[in-house]
């Protein structure tokens, strides 16, 4: 293959999902979420896991909406045959679990297909 497209596998409740990256028009939203997460995380004490959890807790409605949109669009691209309503519910229920995989697949440096 001429172009290498990075993917990311994530496991949720024993099921594995292979995520494909979004197109570039979603990058501003993704980087806005990353900026908010980093700002919140850097202003906290504790382990990296504790900082990440506290950072997510301190996000505002707008940032969480962007993160959900990124998650939904990633799953729509990765599983185009699935009903959007089901994907929306799945992403909503698993947003915290999906956080790292969503960022990784859309920034790069993840598992190969």
N, C-alpha and C. Protein backbone atom coordinates (compact mmCIF):
# COMPACT_ATOMS: atom_id res chain seq x y z
N UNK A 1 0.85 -1.19 0.00
CA UNK A 1 0.00 0.00 0.00
C UNK A 1 0.89 1.24 0.00
N UNK A 2 0.49 2.21 -0.75
CA UNK A 2 1.27 3.43 -0.88
C UNK A 2 1.21 4.31 0.37
N UNK A 3 0.07 4.39 1.00
CA UNK A 3 -0.11 5.23 2.18
C UNK A 3 -0.38 4.36 3.39
N UNK A 4 0.27 4.68 4.49
CA UNK A 4 0.05 3.94 5.73
C UNK A 4 -0.95 4.73 6.59
N UNK A 5 -2.06 4.10 6.90
CA UNK A 5 -3.08 4.72 7.74
C UNK A 5 -3.03 4.04 9.10
N UNK A 6 -2.80 4.83 10.14
CA UNK A 6 -2.74 4.30 11.49
C UNK A 6 -4.15 3.99 12.00
N UNK A 7 -4.26 2.92 12.74
CA UNK A 7 -5.51 2.55 13.38
C UNK A 7 -5.22 2.29 14.85
N UNK A 8 -6.26 2.16 15.64
CA UNK A 8 -6.09 1.89 17.07
C UNK A 8 -7.16 0.89 17.49
N UNK A 9 -6.73 -0.17 18.12
CA UNK A 9 -7.66 -1.16 18.65
C UNK A 9 -7.94 -0.84 20.11
N UNK A 10 -9.21 -0.89 20.47
CA UNK A 10 -9.61 -0.65 21.85
C UNK A 10 -10.53 -1.79 22.27
N UNK A 11 -10.37 -2.25 23.51
CA UNK A 11 -11.21 -3.34 24.01
C UNK A 11 -12.16 -2.79 25.07
N UNK A 12 -13.43 -3.12 24.90
CA UNK A 12 -14.47 -2.71 25.84
C UNK A 12 -15.32 -3.93 26.15
N UNK A 13 -15.34 -4.32 27.40
CA UNK A 13 -16.13 -5.46 27.87
C UNK A 13 -15.89 -6.70 27.02
N UNK A 14 -14.61 -6.98 26.75
CA UNK A 14 -14.24 -8.18 26.03
C UNK A 14 -14.35 -8.10 24.52
N UNK A 15 -14.92 -7.04 23.99
CA UNK A 15 -15.04 -6.86 22.54
C UNK A 15 -13.95 -5.91 22.07
N UNK A 16 -13.35 -6.22 20.93
CA UNK A 16 -12.31 -5.36 20.37
C UNK A 16 -12.88 -4.56 19.20
N UNK A 17 -12.51 -3.28 19.16
CA UNK A 17 -12.97 -2.37 18.12
C UNK A 17 -11.75 -1.74 17.47
N UNK A 18 -11.72 -1.74 16.16
CA UNK A 18 -10.62 -1.14 15.41
C UNK A 18 -11.06 0.24 14.92
N UNK A 19 -10.38 1.25 15.42
CA UNK A 19 -10.76 2.63 15.09
C UNK A 19 -9.88 3.18 13.97
N UNK A 20 -10.52 3.89 13.06
CA UNK A 20 -9.83 4.56 11.97
C UNK A 20 -9.84 6.06 12.25
N UNK A 21 -8.86 6.79 11.76
CA UNK A 21 -8.79 8.23 12.03
C UNK A 21 -9.82 9.04 11.24
N UNK A 22 -10.10 10.20 11.76
CA UNK A 22 -11.02 11.14 11.12
C UNK A 22 -10.31 11.93 10.02
N UNK A 23 -11.08 12.63 9.23
CA UNK A 23 -10.50 13.53 8.23
C UNK A 23 -10.06 14.82 8.95
N UNK A 24 -9.29 15.61 8.25
CA UNK A 24 -8.69 16.81 8.82
C UNK A 24 -9.64 17.87 9.33
N UNK A 25 -10.87 17.90 8.84
CA UNK A 25 -11.79 18.96 9.28
C UNK A 25 -12.13 18.86 10.77
N UNK A 26 -11.84 17.69 11.39
CA UNK A 26 -12.11 17.53 12.81
C UNK A 26 -10.91 17.88 13.69
N UNK A 27 -9.76 18.14 13.07
CA UNK A 27 -8.55 18.43 13.86
C UNK A 27 -8.68 19.64 14.77
N UNK A 28 -9.30 20.74 14.34
CA UNK A 28 -9.44 21.87 15.29
C UNK A 28 -10.20 21.49 16.56
N UNK A 29 -11.24 20.69 16.41
CA UNK A 29 -11.99 20.24 17.60
C UNK A 29 -11.14 19.34 18.47
N UNK A 30 -10.41 18.43 17.83
CA UNK A 30 -9.56 17.51 18.58
C UNK A 30 -8.50 18.28 19.36
N UNK A 31 -7.83 19.22 18.71
CA UNK A 31 -6.78 19.97 19.40
C UNK A 31 -7.34 20.89 20.47
N UNK A 32 -8.56 21.35 20.30
CA UNK A 32 -9.22 22.13 21.34
C UNK A 32 -9.46 21.27 22.58
N UNK A 33 -9.88 20.03 22.37
CA UNK A 33 -10.09 19.09 23.48
C UNK A 33 -8.76 18.78 24.15
N UNK A 34 -7.72 18.52 23.36
CA UNK A 34 -6.40 18.22 23.91
C UNK A 34 -5.88 19.38 24.76
N UNK A 35 -6.07 20.59 24.26
CA UNK A 35 -5.62 21.77 25.00
C UNK A 35 -6.34 21.86 26.35
N UNK A 36 -7.64 21.67 26.34
CA UNK A 36 -8.42 21.74 27.59
C UNK A 36 -7.99 20.64 28.56
N UNK A 37 -7.76 19.43 28.05
CA UNK A 37 -7.32 18.33 28.91
C UNK A 37 -5.95 18.63 29.51
N UNK A 38 -5.03 19.13 28.70
CA UNK A 38 -3.68 19.43 29.19
C UNK A 38 -3.68 20.54 30.22
N UNK A 39 -4.48 21.58 29.98
CA UNK A 39 -4.55 22.67 30.95
C UNK A 39 -5.10 22.20 32.28
N UNK A 40 -6.14 21.40 32.24
CA UNK A 40 -6.73 20.87 33.47
C UNK A 40 -5.78 19.92 34.17
N UNK A 41 -5.14 19.06 33.41
CA UNK A 41 -4.23 18.05 33.96
C UNK A 41 -3.00 18.69 34.60
N UNK A 42 -2.47 19.74 33.98
CA UNK A 42 -1.26 20.39 34.49
C UNK A 42 -1.51 21.17 35.77
N UNK A 43 -2.75 21.48 36.06
CA UNK A 43 -3.07 22.23 37.27
C UNK A 43 -3.49 21.33 38.42
N UNK A 44 -3.14 20.06 38.36
CA UNK A 44 -3.56 19.10 39.38
C UNK A 44 -2.35 18.38 39.95
N UNK A 45 -2.54 17.83 41.12
CA UNK A 45 -1.51 16.99 41.73
C UNK A 45 -1.99 15.55 41.74
N UNK A 46 -1.05 14.61 41.89
CA UNK A 46 -1.39 13.20 41.95
C UNK A 46 -0.72 12.42 40.84
N UNK A 47 -1.11 11.15 40.73
CA UNK A 47 -0.55 10.30 39.68
C UNK A 47 -1.10 10.74 38.33
N UNK A 48 -0.51 10.21 37.26
CA UNK A 48 -1.00 10.55 35.91
C UNK A 48 -2.46 10.14 35.73
N UNK A 49 -2.83 8.96 36.25
CA UNK A 49 -4.22 8.50 36.14
C UNK A 49 -5.16 9.42 36.92
N UNK A 50 -4.75 9.82 38.11
CA UNK A 50 -5.58 10.73 38.91
C UNK A 50 -5.71 12.08 38.22
N UNK A 51 -4.61 12.58 37.65
CA UNK A 51 -4.65 13.85 36.93
C UNK A 51 -5.60 13.77 35.73
N UNK A 52 -5.53 12.65 35.00
CA UNK A 52 -6.38 12.48 33.83
C UNK A 52 -7.86 12.46 34.23
N UNK A 53 -8.18 11.74 35.30
CA UNK A 53 -9.57 11.67 35.76
C UNK A 53 -10.05 13.04 36.23
N UNK A 54 -9.22 13.76 36.96
CA UNK A 54 -9.58 15.10 37.43
C UNK A 54 -9.71 16.06 36.25
N UNK A 55 -8.84 15.92 35.27
CA UNK A 55 -8.90 16.79 34.09
C UNK A 55 -10.22 16.60 33.36
N UNK A 56 -10.62 15.34 33.18
CA UNK A 56 -11.89 15.09 32.49
C UNK A 56 -13.05 15.67 33.30
N UNK A 57 -13.00 15.51 34.62
CA UNK A 57 -14.07 16.04 35.47
C UNK A 57 -14.18 17.56 35.38
N UNK A 58 -13.08 18.23 35.09
CA UNK A 58 -13.11 19.69 35.06
C UNK A 58 -13.44 20.28 33.68
N UNK A 59 -13.70 19.43 32.70
CA UNK A 59 -14.03 19.92 31.37
C UNK A 59 -15.42 20.55 31.34
N UNK A 60 -15.56 21.56 30.49
CA UNK A 60 -16.87 22.20 30.38
C UNK A 60 -17.75 21.48 29.35
N UNK A 61 -18.98 21.90 29.29
CA UNK A 61 -19.96 21.26 28.41
C UNK A 61 -19.53 21.30 26.94
N UNK A 62 -19.00 22.42 26.51
CA UNK A 62 -18.57 22.57 25.13
C UNK A 62 -17.46 21.58 24.77
N UNK A 63 -16.49 21.42 25.65
CA UNK A 63 -15.38 20.50 25.39
C UNK A 63 -15.85 19.06 25.39
N UNK A 64 -16.72 18.70 26.30
CA UNK A 64 -17.24 17.34 26.33
C UNK A 64 -18.08 17.08 25.08
N UNK A 65 -18.83 18.07 24.62
CA UNK A 65 -19.60 17.91 23.38
C UNK A 65 -18.67 17.67 22.19
N UNK A 66 -17.56 18.40 22.13
CA UNK A 66 -16.58 18.20 21.06
C UNK A 66 -15.98 16.80 21.13
N UNK A 67 -15.65 16.36 22.33
CA UNK A 67 -15.08 15.03 22.51
C UNK A 67 -16.07 13.95 22.07
N UNK A 68 -17.33 14.12 22.42
CA UNK A 68 -18.35 13.15 22.00
C UNK A 68 -18.49 13.15 20.49
N UNK A 69 -18.49 14.32 19.88
CA UNK A 69 -18.59 14.40 18.42
C UNK A 69 -17.40 13.69 17.75
N UNK A 70 -16.21 13.90 18.28
CA UNK A 70 -15.02 13.22 17.75
C UNK A 70 -15.18 11.72 17.88
N UNK A 71 -15.68 11.26 19.04
CA UNK A 71 -15.90 9.83 19.24
C UNK A 71 -16.92 9.26 18.29
N UNK A 72 -18.04 9.94 18.16
CA UNK A 72 -19.11 9.47 17.27
C UNK A 72 -18.63 9.43 15.82
N UNK A 73 -17.98 10.48 15.37
CA UNK A 73 -17.51 10.53 13.99
C UNK A 73 -16.43 9.47 13.73
N UNK A 74 -15.59 9.21 14.73
CA UNK A 74 -14.58 8.16 14.59
C UNK A 74 -15.25 6.80 14.42
N UNK A 75 -16.27 6.52 15.23
CA UNK A 75 -16.98 5.24 15.11
C UNK A 75 -17.80 5.15 13.83
N UNK A 76 -18.37 6.26 13.38
CA UNK A 76 -19.11 6.25 12.12
C UNK A 76 -18.17 5.92 10.96
N UNK A 77 -16.96 6.46 11.00
CA UNK A 77 -15.99 6.17 9.94
C UNK A 77 -15.47 4.75 10.06
N UNK A 78 -15.26 4.28 11.28
CA UNK A 78 -14.73 2.93 11.51
C UNK A 78 -15.75 1.84 11.25
N UNK A 79 -17.02 2.13 11.50
CA UNK A 79 -18.11 1.16 11.34
C UNK A 79 -19.27 1.78 10.57
N UNK A 80 -19.06 2.09 9.29
CA UNK A 80 -20.09 2.78 8.51
C UNK A 80 -21.38 1.99 8.32
N UNK A 81 -21.33 0.69 8.48
CA UNK A 81 -22.53 -0.14 8.30
C UNK A 81 -23.45 -0.12 9.53
N UNK A 82 -22.97 0.40 10.65
CA UNK A 82 -23.76 0.42 11.88
C UNK A 82 -24.71 1.61 11.91
N UNK A 83 -25.81 1.44 12.59
CA UNK A 83 -26.80 2.50 12.78
C UNK A 83 -26.19 3.62 13.63
N UNK A 84 -26.34 4.86 13.19
CA UNK A 84 -25.76 6.00 13.90
C UNK A 84 -26.30 6.15 15.33
N UNK A 85 -27.56 5.84 15.53
CA UNK A 85 -28.15 5.95 16.87
C UNK A 85 -27.47 4.98 17.84
N UNK A 86 -27.20 3.76 17.37
CA UNK A 86 -26.52 2.77 18.22
C UNK A 86 -25.10 3.24 18.51
N UNK A 87 -24.41 3.75 17.50
CA UNK A 87 -23.05 4.25 17.70
C UNK A 87 -23.04 5.41 18.69
N UNK A 88 -24.02 6.30 18.58
CA UNK A 88 -24.12 7.45 19.48
C UNK A 88 -24.28 6.98 20.93
N UNK A 89 -25.15 6.02 21.14
CA UNK A 89 -25.37 5.50 22.50
C UNK A 89 -24.12 4.79 23.02
N UNK A 90 -23.45 4.02 22.14
CA UNK A 90 -22.25 3.29 22.55
C UNK A 90 -21.14 4.27 22.95
N UNK A 91 -20.93 5.29 22.14
CA UNK A 91 -19.89 6.28 22.46
C UNK A 91 -20.24 7.01 23.75
N UNK A 92 -21.50 7.38 23.93
CA UNK A 92 -21.92 8.06 25.15
C UNK A 92 -21.64 7.23 26.39
N UNK A 93 -21.93 5.94 26.32
CA UNK A 93 -21.73 5.06 27.47
C UNK A 93 -20.26 4.79 27.77
N UNK A 94 -19.40 4.93 26.76
CA UNK A 94 -18.00 4.52 26.91
C UNK A 94 -17.01 5.66 26.67
N UNK A 95 -17.44 6.88 26.77
CA UNK A 95 -16.60 8.01 26.41
C UNK A 95 -15.29 8.05 27.20
N UNK A 96 -15.33 7.81 28.49
CA UNK A 96 -14.11 7.83 29.29
C UNK A 96 -13.16 6.70 28.89
N UNK A 97 -13.71 5.53 28.63
CA UNK A 97 -12.88 4.39 28.22
C UNK A 97 -12.25 4.66 26.86
N UNK A 98 -12.97 5.35 25.99
CA UNK A 98 -12.51 5.60 24.62
C UNK A 98 -11.55 6.78 24.51
N UNK A 99 -11.45 7.60 25.52
CA UNK A 99 -10.70 8.85 25.45
C UNK A 99 -9.30 8.68 24.87
N UNK A 100 -8.50 7.83 25.45
CA UNK A 100 -7.11 7.65 25.01
C UNK A 100 -7.04 7.14 23.57
N UNK A 101 -7.88 6.15 23.24
CA UNK A 101 -7.87 5.59 21.89
C UNK A 101 -8.29 6.61 20.85
N UNK A 102 -9.27 7.43 21.16
CA UNK A 102 -9.73 8.47 20.23
C UNK A 102 -8.62 9.47 19.93
N UNK A 103 -7.92 9.85 20.96
CA UNK A 103 -6.82 10.80 20.77
C UNK A 103 -5.69 10.14 19.98
N UNK A 104 -5.34 8.93 20.37
CA UNK A 104 -4.23 8.24 19.70
C UNK A 104 -4.49 8.01 18.23
N UNK A 105 -5.65 7.50 17.88
CA UNK A 105 -5.93 7.19 16.47
C UNK A 105 -6.00 8.45 15.61
N UNK A 106 -6.43 9.54 16.19
CA UNK A 106 -6.58 10.76 15.41
C UNK A 106 -5.35 11.65 15.40
N UNK A 107 -4.37 11.33 16.24
CA UNK A 107 -3.11 12.07 16.23
C UNK A 107 -2.03 11.23 15.56
N UNK A 108 -2.15 9.90 15.63
CA UNK A 108 -1.20 9.00 14.99
C UNK A 108 -0.48 8.12 15.99
N UNK A 109 0.52 7.39 15.50
CA UNK A 109 1.35 6.52 16.33
C UNK A 109 0.55 5.43 17.03
N UNK A 110 -0.32 4.77 16.30
CA UNK A 110 -1.10 3.69 16.89
C UNK A 110 -0.82 2.38 16.16
N UNK A 111 -1.61 1.37 16.46
CA UNK A 111 -1.43 0.05 15.86
C UNK A 111 -1.66 0.10 14.37
N UNK A 112 -0.94 -0.75 13.65
CA UNK A 112 -1.16 -0.83 12.20
C UNK A 112 -2.34 -1.72 11.91
N UNK A 113 -2.97 -1.46 10.78
CA UNK A 113 -4.11 -2.25 10.34
C UNK A 113 -3.69 -3.64 9.97
